Amino acid sequence: MAEHRHKRETNARIFRVRIPKAPLVAAPLAVVATLSTVGAGVLAASPETRDLLAASSSTTTTSSTGAQSLGSAVDVSERAPVVSRSGSRIEPLSEIEKMLTAEATAKAIRRADTKLWTTADLNLWTTPQEATAENLGEIDAGKKVLVTGREAAGKVEVVIEGEARWVTAGYLSDEKPEEGPPGLGGSCTNGSSVSGSANILAVHEAVCAAFPELTSYGTYRGDGEHAQGIAIDIMVSGDRGQQVAEFVRAHYAELGVSYVIYSQQIWSVDRAGEGWRYMSDRGSTTANHYDHVHVTTY
């Protein structure tokens, strides 16, 4: 009987089935599914993506259940930086650009309460900046205009028919300018004489008749326009020199004048609307034309 019981127990052990616990089965299956999905993605990805995934898979860690998962630490040092569209920079307005805004201009016009006289024919510009300014005509000398008091780039702002315009600085005055320089006429009586073109002779005759105290003139010289016989120097300085320069400028058409230089300033026919313009420093009183009026003719 004892032997019989031994056989039954042996047979029972043979047919006993171990049922695995669910977590132990699920973990390996999850790993298989994950790796198969990653593998498919690698096959479809670009070479660069496959390299990144391969590098990431080498850092896998083992879970407490024995399953492996992709490492959470991924080297992103080689990735391109992300630039936010909202982070784009906008350059601030310059001082002149701020001055020229519609709001700032309207405010300047409303506050304008001073009138000055124009002392020369002046071009009217839309802005003080030469690169963007548009010429809208001229305003004659001897006109009274409303000014805003704003200045920029060598120009001042005036108000013409309710609109802001810009003119060359230095040609607005509190006082009404005197009548123009003396007219042409008369003859030279001080014994001075020059040689040169017909226009040079005309300039000398006119200046000598209007300013008989001036007796020193220079024409021919071995350089530039003097060598060509189309330039003349009138030896004069100070306020009298400015009067002579204005006289020649006022009669440029009758005398065939192209441009006039005096006291480091130039006036030219082709830019007459800008009035007298400052010149760069040439290093000496004579080179800067402080001791003579230079006249170039056609």
C-alpha atoms as a PDB file:
ATOM      1  CA  MET A   1       0.000   0.000   0.000  1.00  0.00           C
ATOM      2  CA  ALA A   2       2.862   2.359   0.761  1.00  0.00           C
ATOM      3  CA  GLU A   3       4.321   1.814  -2.671  1.00  0.00           C
ATOM      4  CA  HIS A   4       1.028   2.659  -4.341  1.00  0.00           C
ATOM      5  CA  ARG A   5       0.803   6.023  -2.613  1.00  0.00           C
ATOM      6  CA  HIS A   6       4.274   6.879  -3.857  1.00  0.00           C
ATOM      7  CA  LYS A   7       3.234   6.410  -7.471  1.00  0.00           C
ATOM      8  CA  ARG A   8       0.180   8.636  -7.134  1.00  0.00           C
ATOM      9  CA  GLU A   9       2.244  11.477  -5.701  1.00  0.00           C
ATOM     10  CA  THR A  10       4.774  11.164  -8.527  1.00  0.00           C
ATOM     11  CA  ASN A  11       2.082  11.327 -11.166  1.00  0.00           C
ATOM     12  CA  ALA A  12       0.545  14.356  -9.505  1.00  0.00           C
ATOM     13  CA  ARG A  13       3.800  16.233  -9.661  1.00  0.00           C
ATOM     14  CA  ILE A  14       4.183  15.442 -13.363  1.00  0.00           C
ATOM     15  CA  PHE A  15       0.829  17.007 -14.305  1.00  0.00           C
ATOM     16  CA  ARG A  16       1.102  20.071 -12.041  1.00  0.00           C
ATOM     17  CA  VAL A  17       1.073  23.264 -14.168  1.00  0.00           C
ATOM     18  CA  ARG A  18       2.791  26.471 -13.034  1.00  0.00           C
ATOM     19  CA  ILE A  19       0.846  29.572 -13.997  1.00  0.00           C
ATOM     20  CA  PRO A  20       3.223  32.486 -14.485  1.00  0.00           C
ATOM     21  CA  LYS A  21       2.441  35.744 -12.791  1.00  0.00           C
ATOM     22  CA  ALA A  22       1.032  38.407 -15.138  1.00  0.00           C
ATOM     23  CA  PRO A  23       3.680  41.088 -14.602  1.00  0.00           C
ATOM     24  CA  LEU A  24       6.443  38.691 -15.514  1.00  0.00           C
ATOM     25  CA  VAL A  25       4.796  38.031 -18.867  1.00  0.00           C
ATOM     26  CA  ALA A  26       3.690  41.563 -19.659  1.00  0.00           C
ATOM     27  CA  ALA A  27       7.085  43.180 -19.230  1.00  0.00           C
ATOM     28  CA  PRO A  28       8.926  41.104 -21.880  1.00  0.00           C
ATOM     29  CA  LEU A  29       5.992  41.539 -24.283  1.00  0.00           C
ATOM     30  CA  ALA A  30       6.102  45.309 -23.825  1.00  0.00           C
ATOM     31  CA  VAL A  31       9.806  45.316 -24.565  1.00  0.00           C
ATOM     32  CA  VAL A  32       9.272  43.324 -27.738  1.00  0.00           C
ATOM     33  CA  ALA A  33       6.505  45.669 -28.892  1.00  0.00           C
ATOM     34  CA  THR A  34       8.548  48.751 -28.109  1.00  0.00           C
ATOM     35  CA  LEU A  35      11.663  47.524 -29.855  1.00  0.00           C
ATOM     36  CA  SER A  36       9.707  46.444 -32.906  1.00  0.00           C
ATOM     37  CA  THR A  37       8.117  49.891 -33.154  1.00  0.00           C
ATOM     38  CA  VAL A  38      11.474  51.634 -32.715  1.00  0.00           C
ATOM     39  CA  GLY A  39      13.018  49.369 -35.269  1.00  0.00           C
ATOM     40  CA  ALA A  40      10.376  50.226 -37.827  1.00  0.00           C
ATOM     41  CA  GLY A  41      10.900  53.917 -37.143  1.00  0.00           C
ATOM     42  CA  VAL A  42      14.645  53.557 -37.604  1.00  0.00           C
ATOM     43  CA  LEU A  43      14.170  51.924 -40.978  1.00  0.00           C
ATOM     44  CA  ALA A  44      12.008  54.814 -42.142  1.00  0.00           C
ATOM     45  CA  ALA A  45      13.996  57.591 -40.565  1.00  0.00           C
ATOM     46  CA  SER A  46      16.803  59.615 -42.118  1.00  0.00           C
ATOM     47  CA  PRO A  47      20.420  58.520 -41.492  1.00  0.00           C
ATOM     48  CA  GLU A  48      20.793  61.319 -38.969  1.00  0.00           C
ATOM     49  CA  THR A  49      17.732  60.128 -37.019  1.00  0.00           C
ATOM     50  CA  ARG A  50      18.951  56.491 -37.071  1.00  0.00           C
ATOM     51  CA  ASP A  51      22.293  57.596 -35.654  1.00  0.00           C
ATOM     52  CA  LEU A  52      20.575  59.507 -32.848  1.00  0.00           C
ATOM     53  CA  LEU A  53      18.341  56.555 -31.935  1.00  0.00           C
ATOM     54  CA  ALA A  54      21.261  54.170 -32.042  1.00  0.00           C
ATOM     55  CA  ALA A  55      23.187  56.376 -29.660  1.00  0.00           C
ATOM     56  CA  SER A  56      20.180  56.615 -27.371  1.00  0.00           C
ATOM     57  CA  SER A  57      19.608  52.838 -27.292  1.00  0.00           C
ATOM     58  CA  SER A  58      23.148  52.329 -26.013  1.00  0.00           C
ATOM     59  CA  THR A  59      22.148  54.073 -22.779  1.00  0.00           C
ATOM     60  CA  THR A  60      19.287  51.680 -21.907  1.00  0.00           C
ATOM     61  CA  THR A  61      18.557  50.804 -18.301  1.00  0.00           C
ATOM     62  CA  THR A  62      17.046  47.690 -16.741  1.00  0.00           C
ATOM     63  CA  SER A  63      13.751  47.996 -14.861  1.00  0.00           C
ATOM     64  CA  SER A  64      13.046  46.281 -11.577  1.00  0.00           C
ATOM     65  CA  THR A  65      11.002  43.667 -13.478  1.00  0.00           C
ATOM     66  CA  GLY A  66      13.910  42.778 -15.730  1.00  0.00           C
ATOM     67  CA  ALA A  67      12.607  44.629 -18.815  1.00  0.00           C
ATOM     68  CA  GLN A  68      14.817  47.100 -20.708  1.00  0.00           C
ATOM     69  CA  SER A  69      13.656  50.573 -21.825  1.00  0.00           C
ATOM     70  CA  LEU A  70      15.295  53.402 -23.806  1.00  0.00           C
ATOM     71  CA  GLY A  71      17.505  55.561 -21.558  1.00  0.00           C
ATOM     72  CA  SER A  72      15.965  58.792 -20.394  1.00  0.00           C
ATOM     73  CA  ALA A  73      19.284  60.725 -20.696  1.00  0.00           C
ATOM     74  CA  VAL A  74      19.741  61.799 -24.365  1.00  0.00           C
ATOM     75  CA  ASP A  75      22.658  63.976 -25.479  1.00  0.00           C
ATOM     76  CA  VAL A  76      21.190  67.073 -27.149  1.00  0.00           C
ATOM     77  CA  SER A  77      24.398  69.089 -27.288  1.00  0.00           C
ATOM     78  CA  GLU A  78      24.553  68.783 -31.084  1.00  0.00           C
ATOM     79  CA  ARG A  79      20.964  69.825 -31.694  1.00  0.00           C
ATOM     80  CA  ALA A  80      20.351  73.205 -33.360  1.00  0.00           C
ATOM     81  CA  PRO A  81      19.109  75.892 -30.970  1.00  0.00           C
ATOM     82  CA  VAL A  82      15.435  76.701 -31.115  1.00  0.00           C
ATOM     83  CA  VAL A  83      14.726  80.280 -32.131  1.00  0.00           C
ATOM     84  CA  SER A  84      11.429  81.778 -31.121  1.00  0.00           C
ATOM     85  CA  ARG A  85       9.645  83.860 -33.734  1.00  0.00           C
ATOM     86  CA  SER A  86       8.426  86.138 -30.988  1.00  0.00           C
ATOM     87  CA  GLY A  87      12.018  86.867 -30.023  1.00  0.00           C
ATOM     88  CA  SER A  88      12.916  88.723 -33.243  1.00  0.00           C
ATOM     89  CA  ARG A  89      14.516  92.128 -32.567  1.00  0.00           C
ATOM     90  CA  ILE A  90      13.196  95.399 -33.961  1.00  0.00           C
ATOM     91  CA  GLU A  91      15.684  98.251 -34.401  1.00  0.00           C
ATOM     92  CA  PRO A  92      14.666 101.357 -32.432  1.00  0.00           C
ATOM     93  CA  LEU A  93      13.880 104.581 -34.296  1.00  0.00           C
ATOM     94  CA  SER A  94      16.642 107.155 -34.671  1.00  0.00           C
ATOM     95  CA  GLU A  95      16.193 110.642 -33.221  1.00  0.00           C
ATOM     96  CA  ILE A  96      15.377 112.090 -36.669  1.00  0.00           C
ATOM     97  CA  GLU A  97      12.885 109.284 -37.364  1.00  0.00           C
ATOM     98  CA  LYS A  98      11.168 109.996 -34.049  1.00  0.00           C
ATOM     99  CA  MET A  99      11.044 113.699 -34.979  1.00  0.00           C
ATOM    100  CA  LEU A 100       9.431 112.939 -38.342  1.00  0.00           C
ATOM    101  CA  THR A 101       6.578 110.763 -37.085  1.00  0.00           C
ATOM    102  CA  ALA A 102       3.117 112.099 -37.928  1.00  0.00           C
ATOM    103  CA  GLU A 103       2.292 112.642 -34.256  1.00  0.00           C
ATOM    104  CA  ALA A 104       5.496 114.570 -33.480  1.00  0.00           C
ATOM    105  CA  THR A 105       5.153 116.708 -36.631  1.00  0.00           C
ATOM    106  CA  ALA A 106       1.506 117.563 -35.915  1.00  0.00           C
ATOM    107  CA  LYS A 107       2.423 118.592 -32.373  1.00  0.00           C
ATOM    108  CA  ALA A 108       5.260 120.822 -33.641  1.00  0.00           C
ATOM    109  CA  ILE A 109       2.938 122.556 -36.101  1.00  0.00           C
ATOM    110  CA  ARG A 110       0.303 123.179 -33.403  1.00  0.00           C
ATOM    111  CA  ARG A 111       2.899 124.724 -31.070  1.00  0.00           C
ATOM    112  CA  ALA A 112       4.571 126.926 -33.714  1.00  0.00           C
ATOM    113  CA  ASP A 113       4.116 130.589 -32.778  1.00  0.00           C
ATOM    114  CA  THR A 114       7.179 132.389 -34.202  1.00  0.00           C
ATOM    115  CA  LYS A 115       7.607 133.986 -37.605  1.00  0.00           C
ATOM    116  CA  LEU A 116      10.927 134.811 -39.257  1.00  0.00           C
ATOM    117  CA  TRP A 117      12.035 136.418 -42.507  1.00  0.00           C
ATOM    118  CA  THR A 118      13.756 134.494 -45.281  1.00  0.00           C
ATOM    119  CA  THR A 119      17.011 136.168 -46.300  1.00  0.00           C
ATOM    120  CA  ALA A 120      17.521 134.162 -49.507  1.00  0.00           C
ATOM    121  CA  ASP A 121      15.554 132.081 -51.973  1.00  0.00           C
ATOM    122  CA  LEU A 122      15.222 128.670 -50.322  1.00  0.00           C
ATOM    123  CA  ASN A 123      14.255 125.218 -51.492  1.00  0.00           C
ATOM    124  CA  LEU A 124      11.411 123.538 -49.626  1.00  0.00           C
ATOM    125  CA  TRP A 125      12.068 119.902 -48.653  1.00  0.00           C
ATOM    126  CA  THR A 126       9.794 117.190 -47.279  1.00  0.00           C
ATOM    127  CA  THR A 127      12.408 116.012 -44.739  1.00  0.00           C
ATOM    128  CA  PRO A 128      15.801 117.225 -43.496  1.00  0.00           C
ATOM    129  CA  GLN A 129      17.542 114.080 -44.782  1.00  0.00           C
ATOM    130  CA  GLU A 130      19.031 114.489 -48.248  1.00  0.00           C
ATOM    131  CA  ALA A 131      18.705 110.782 -49.093  1.00  0.00           C
ATOM    132  CA  THR A 132      14.918 110.792 -48.674  1.00  0.00           C
ATOM    133  CA  ALA A 133      13.970 114.465 -49.128  1.00  0.00           C
ATOM    134  CA  GLU A 134      11.746 115.564 -52.004  1.00  0.00           C
ATOM    135  CA  ASN A 135      11.970 119.109 -53.353  1.00  0.00           C
ATOM    136  CA  LEU A 136       8.549 120.774 -53.347  1.00  0.00           C
ATOM    137  CA  GLY A 137       9.576 124.139 -54.808  1.00  0.00           C
ATOM    138  CA  GLU A 138      11.020 127.364 -53.421  1.00  0.00           C
ATOM    139  CA  ILE A 139      10.165 130.219 -51.129  1.00  0.00           C
ATOM    140  CA  ASP A 140      11.434 133.652 -52.118  1.00  0.00           C
ATOM    141  CA  ALA A 141      13.715 135.861 -50.070  1.00  0.00           C
ATOM    142  CA  GLY A 142      11.957 138.526 -47.995  1.00  0.00           C
ATOM    143  CA  LYS A 143       9.023 136.291 -47.021  1.00  0.00           C
ATOM    144  CA  LYS A 144       7.812 135.850 -43.457  1.00  0.00           C
ATOM    145  CA  VAL A 145       7.264 132.231 -42.471  1.00  0.00           C
ATOM    146  CA  LEU A 146       6.061 130.361 -39.397  1.00  0.00           C
ATOM    147  CA  VAL A 147       8.806 128.237 -37.815  1.00  0.00           C
ATOM    148  CA  THR A 148       8.474 125.318 -35.382  1.00  0.00           C
ATOM    149  CA  GLY A 149      11.896 125.702 -33.764  1.00  0.00           C
ATOM    150  CA  ARG A 150      12.981 122.186 -34.733  1.00  0.00           C
ATOM    151  CA  GLU A 151      16.321 121.629 -36.490  1.00  0.00           C
ATOM    152  CA  ALA A 152      18.015 118.552 -37.962  1.00  0.00           C
ATOM    153  CA  ALA A 153      20.782 117.749 -40.457  1.00  0.00           C
ATOM    154  CA  GLY A 154      21.534 121.398 -41.209  1.00  0.00           C
ATOM    155  CA  LYS A 155      17.912 122.310 -41.901  1.00  0.00           C
ATOM    156  CA  VAL A 156      15.102 124.008 -39.991  1.00  0.00           C
ATOM    157  CA  GLU A 157      11.392 123.264 -40.069  1.00  0.00           C
ATOM    158  CA  VAL A 158       8.902 125.840 -41.332  1.00  0.00           C
ATOM    159  CA  VAL A 159       5.158 125.720 -41.855  1.00  0.00           C
ATOM    160  CA  ILE A 160       3.879 126.432 -45.358  1.00  0.00           C
ATOM    161  CA  GLU A 161       0.094 126.339 -45.879  1.00  0.00           C
ATOM    162  CA  GLY A 162      -0.307 124.167 -42.802  1.00  0.00           C
ATOM    163  CA  GLU A 163       2.316 121.618 -43.860  1.00  0.00           C
ATOM    164  CA  ALA A 164       5.770 120.998 -42.399  1.00  0.00           C
ATOM    165  CA  ARG A 165       8.639 121.808 -44.758  1.00  0.00           C
ATOM    166  CA  TRP A 166      12.417 121.989 -44.259  1.00  0.00           C
ATOM    167  CA  VAL A 167      14.821 124.719 -45.456  1.00  0.00           C
ATOM    168  CA  THR A 168      18.574 125.228 -45.196  1.00  0.00           C
ATOM    169  CA  ALA A 169      19.547 126.646 -41.807  1.00  0.00           C
ATOM    170  CA  GLY A 170      21.082 130.111 -41.503  1.00  0.00           C
ATOM    171  CA  TYR A 171      18.696 132.008 -43.792  1.00  0.00           C
ATOM    172  CA  LEU A 172      15.909 133.015 -41.412  1.00  0.00           C
ATOM    173  CA  SER A 173      16.037 136.326 -39.545  1.00  0.00           C
ATOM    174  CA  ASP A 174      14.047 138.245 -36.920  1.00  0.00           C
ATOM    175  CA  GLU A 175      14.435 141.405 -38.983  1.00  0.00           C
ATOM    176  CA  LYS A 176      13.197 142.043 -42.465  1.00  0.00           C
ATOM    177  CA  PRO A 177      16.173 141.935 -44.833  1.00  0.00           C
ATOM    178  CA  GLU A 178      17.238 145.119 -46.535  1.00  0.00           C
ATOM    179  CA  GLU A 179      16.690 145.615 -50.208  1.00  0.00           C
ATOM    180  CA  GLY A 180      18.994 143.601 -52.426  1.00  0.00           C
ATOM    181  CA  PRO A 181      22.553 144.526 -53.313  1.00  0.00           C
ATOM    182  CA  PRO A 182      23.191 147.439 -55.656  1.00  0.00           C
ATOM    183  CA  GLY A 183      22.223 146.924 -59.248  1.00  0.00           C
ATOM    184  CA  LEU A 184      24.534 146.679 -62.191  1.00  0.00           C
ATOM    185  CA  GLY A 185      25.655 149.835 -63.920  1.00  0.00           C
ATOM    186  CA  GLY A 186      28.391 152.405 -64.032  1.00  0.00           C
ATOM    187  CA  SER A 187      32.012 151.815 -64.891  1.00  0.00           C
ATOM    188  CA  CYS A 188      35.262 151.087 -63.084  1.00  0.00           C
ATOM    189  CA  THR A 189      36.989 154.354 -62.152  1.00  0.00           C
ATOM    190  CA  ASN A 190      39.727 153.260 -59.746  1.00  0.00           C
ATOM    191  CA  GLY A 191      42.222 152.247 -62.409  1.00  0.00           C
ATOM    192  CA  SER A 192      42.168 148.495 -61.703  1.00  0.00           C
ATOM    193  CA  SER A 193      41.997 146.054 -64.595  1.00  0.00           C
ATOM    194  CA  VAL A 194      42.025 142.310 -65.259  1.00  0.00           C
ATOM    195  CA  SER A 195      42.379 139.933 -68.221  1.00  0.00           C
ATOM    196  CA  GLY A 196      40.365 136.869 -68.990  1.00  0.00           C
ATOM    197  CA  SER A 197      37.128 135.781 -70.614  1.00  0.00           C
ATOM    198  CA  ALA A 198      34.245 138.123 -71.353  1.00  0.00           C
ATOM    199  CA  ASN A 199      32.468 136.971 -68.169  1.00  0.00           C
ATOM    200  CA  ILE A 200      35.564 137.663 -66.053  1.00  0.00           C
ATOM    201  CA  LEU A 201      35.752 141.187 -67.483  1.00  0.00           C
ATOM    202  CA  ALA A 202      32.043 141.670 -66.730  1.00  0.00           C
ATOM    203  CA  VAL A 203      32.449 140.573 -63.083  1.00  0.00           C
ATOM    204  CA  HIS A 204      35.370 142.957 -62.559  1.00  0.00           C
ATOM    205  CA  GLU A 205      33.576 145.893 -64.160  1.00  0.00           C
ATOM    206  CA  ALA A 206      30.441 145.336 -62.061  1.00  0.00           C
ATOM    207  CA  VAL A 207      32.257 144.880 -58.737  1.00  0.00           C
ATOM    208  CA  CYS A 208      34.627 147.799 -59.371  1.00  0.00           C
ATOM    209  CA  ALA A 209      31.673 150.119 -60.149  1.00  0.00           C
ATOM    210  CA  ALA A 210      29.682 149.035 -57.054  1.00  0.00           C
ATOM    211  CA  PHE A 211      32.673 148.880 -54.660  1.00  0.00           C
ATOM    212  CA  PRO A 212      35.218 151.398 -55.983  1.00  0.00           C
ATOM    213  CA  GLU A 213      37.448 151.066 -52.912  1.00  0.00           C
ATOM    214  CA  LEU A 214      38.427 147.540 -53.983  1.00  0.00           C
ATOM    215  CA  THR A 215      41.475 147.618 -56.229  1.00  0.00           C
ATOM    216  CA  SER A 216      43.116 144.195 -55.889  1.00  0.00           C
ATOM    217  CA  TYR A 217      41.992 141.317 -58.121  1.00  0.00           C
ATOM    218  CA  GLY A 218      43.537 138.027 -59.166  1.00  0.00           C
ATOM    219  CA  THR A 219      42.767 136.119 -62.342  1.00  0.00           C
ATOM    220  CA  TYR A 220      45.368 133.998 -64.139  1.00  0.00           C
ATOM    221  CA  ARG A 221      47.226 131.431 -62.101  1.00  0.00           C
ATOM    222  CA  GLY A 222      48.879 128.153 -62.963  1.00  0.00           C
ATOM    223  CA  ASP A 223      46.199 125.842 -61.582  1.00  0.00           C
ATOM    224  CA  GLY A 224      42.549 124.910 -61.968  1.00  0.00           C
ATOM    225  CA  GLU A 225      39.947 127.323 -63.234  1.00  0.00           C
ATOM    226  CA  HIS A 226      42.316 130.287 -62.878  1.00  0.00           C
ATOM    227  CA  ALA A 227      44.585 128.695 -65.481  1.00  0.00           C
ATOM    228  CA  GLN A 228      41.568 128.375 -67.775  1.00  0.00           C
ATOM    229  CA  GLY A 229      40.819 132.093 -67.486  1.00  0.00           C
ATOM    230  CA  ILE A 230      37.295 131.573 -66.038  1.00  0.00           C
ATOM    231  CA  ALA A 231      37.945 132.431 -62.354  1.00  0.00           C
ATOM    232  CA  ILE A 232      38.638 135.680 -60.509  1.00  0.00           C
ATOM    233  CA  ASP A 233      39.601 136.449 -56.898  1.00  0.00           C
ATOM    234  CA  ILE A 234      38.367 139.709 -55.353  1.00  0.00           C
ATOM    235  CA  MET A 235      40.632 140.616 -52.448  1.00  0.00           C
ATOM    236  CA  VAL A 236      38.319 141.660 -49.590  1.00  0.00           C
ATOM    237  CA  SER A 237      37.424 140.362 -46.101  1.00  0.00           C
ATOM    238  CA  GLY A 238      34.936 140.800 -43.252  1.00  0.00           C
ATOM    239  CA  ASP A 239      31.421 142.104 -43.719  1.00  0.00           C
ATOM    240  CA  ARG A 240      32.434 143.922 -46.883  1.00  0.00           C
ATOM    241  CA  GLY A 241      33.478 140.607 -48.356  1.00  0.00           C
ATOM    242  CA  GLN A 242      30.047 139.155 -47.614  1.00  0.00           C
ATOM    243  CA  GLN A 243      28.421 142.141 -49.335  1.00  0.00           C
ATOM    244  CA  VAL A 244      30.554 141.591 -52.434  1.00  0.00           C
ATOM    245  CA  ALA A 245      29.747 137.859 -52.446  1.00  0.00           C
ATOM    246  CA  GLU A 246      26.013 138.605 -52.181  1.00  0.00           C
ATOM    247  CA  PHE A 247      26.288 141.194 -54.947  1.00  0.00           C
ATOM    248  CA  VAL A 248      27.862 138.696 -57.334  1.00  0.00           C
ATOM    249  CA  ARG A 249      25.355 135.999 -56.321  1.00  0.00           C
ATOM    250  CA  ALA A 250      22.409 138.329 -56.911  1.00  0.00           C
ATOM    251  CA  HIS A 251      23.594 139.114 -60.452  1.00  0.00           C
ATOM    252  CA  TYR A 252      24.891 135.667 -61.395  1.00  0.00           C
ATOM    253  CA  ALA A 253      22.690 135.434 -64.494  1.00  0.00           C
ATOM    254  CA  GLU A 254      23.833 138.754 -66.017  1.00  0.00           C
ATOM    255  CA  LEU A 255      27.487 138.082 -65.170  1.00  0.00           C
ATOM    256  CA  GLY A 256      27.614 134.436 -66.289  1.00  0.00           C
ATOM    257  CA  VAL A 257      28.583 133.180 -62.811  1.00  0.00           C
ATOM    258  CA  SER A 258      28.693 129.442 -62.021  1.00  0.00           C
ATOM    259  CA  TYR A 259      29.515 129.613 -58.313  1.00  0.00           C
ATOM    260  CA  VAL A 260      30.872 131.903 -55.570  1.00  0.00           C
ATOM    261  CA  ILE A 261      33.025 131.013 -52.537  1.00  0.00           C
ATOM    262  CA  TYR A 262      33.577 133.185 -49.476  1.00  0.00           C
ATOM    263  CA  SER A 263      34.306 132.617 -45.780  1.00  0.00           C
ATOM    264  CA  GLN A 264      34.352 128.795 -46.141  1.00  0.00           C
ATOM    265  CA  GLN A 265      30.924 128.787 -47.791  1.00  0.00           C
ATOM    266  CA  ILE A 266      29.860 128.144 -51.359  1.00  0.00           C
ATOM    267  CA  TRP A 267      26.847 129.173 -53.399  1.00  0.00           C
ATOM    268  CA  SER A 268      26.286 127.558 -56.797  1.00  0.00           C
ATOM    269  CA  VAL A 269      23.748 127.937 -59.570  1.00  0.00           C
ATOM    270  CA  ASP A 270      22.925 124.215 -59.695  1.00  0.00           C
ATOM    271  CA  ARG A 271      22.052 124.199 -55.971  1.00  0.00           C
ATOM    272  CA  ALA A 272      20.847 127.790 -55.635  1.00  0.00           C
ATOM    273  CA  GLY A 273      17.806 126.829 -53.571  1.00  0.00           C
ATOM    274  CA  GLU A 274      20.049 125.606 -50.753  1.00  0.00           C
ATOM    275  CA  GLY A 275      21.644 129.012 -50.270  1.00  0.00           C
ATOM    276  CA  TRP A 276      25.188 129.205 -48.935  1.00  0.00           C
ATOM    277  CA  ARG A 277      26.600 125.798 -47.971  1.00  0.00           C
ATOM    278  CA  TYR A 278      29.490 125.205 -45.568  1.00  0.00           C
ATOM    279  CA  MET A 279      32.693 123.678 -46.947  1.00  0.00           C
ATOM    280  CA  SER A 280      35.266 121.429 -45.291  1.00  0.00           C
ATOM    281  CA  ASP A 281      38.268 123.059 -43.620  1.00  0.00           C
ATOM    282  CA  ARG A 282      41.192 123.424 -46.031  1.00  0.00           C
ATOM    283  CA  GLY A 283      43.692 124.466 -43.385  1.00  0.00           C
ATOM    284  CA  SER A 284      44.353 128.195 -43.834  1.00  0.00           C
ATOM    285  CA  THR A 285      42.672 131.583 -44.050  1.00  0.00           C
ATOM    286  CA  THR A 286      43.351 131.921 -47.757  1.00  0.00           C
ATOM    287  CA  ALA A 287      42.487 128.302 -48.607  1.00  0.00           C
ATOM    288  CA  ASN A 288      39.182 128.731 -46.759  1.00  0.00           C
ATOM    289  CA  HIS A 289      38.514 131.990 -48.647  1.00  0.00           C
ATOM    290  CA  TYR A 290      38.323 134.316 -45.642  1.00  0.00           C
ATOM    291  CA  ASP A 291      40.459 136.991 -47.280  1.00  0.00           C
ATOM    292  CA  HIS A 292      38.964 137.015 -50.772  1.00  0.00           C
ATOM    293  CA  VAL A 293      35.826 136.240 -52.746  1.00  0.00           C
ATOM    294  CA  HIS A 294      36.351 133.572 -55.405  1.00  0.00           C
ATOM    295  CA  VAL A 295      34.115 133.677 -58.478  1.00  0.00           C
ATOM    296  CA  THR A 296      34.015 130.998 -61.179  1.00  0.00           C
ATOM    297  CA  THR A 297      32.220 131.833 -64.429  1.00  0.00           C
ATOM    298  CA  TYR A 298      31.008 129.818 -67.393  1.00  0.00           C
END
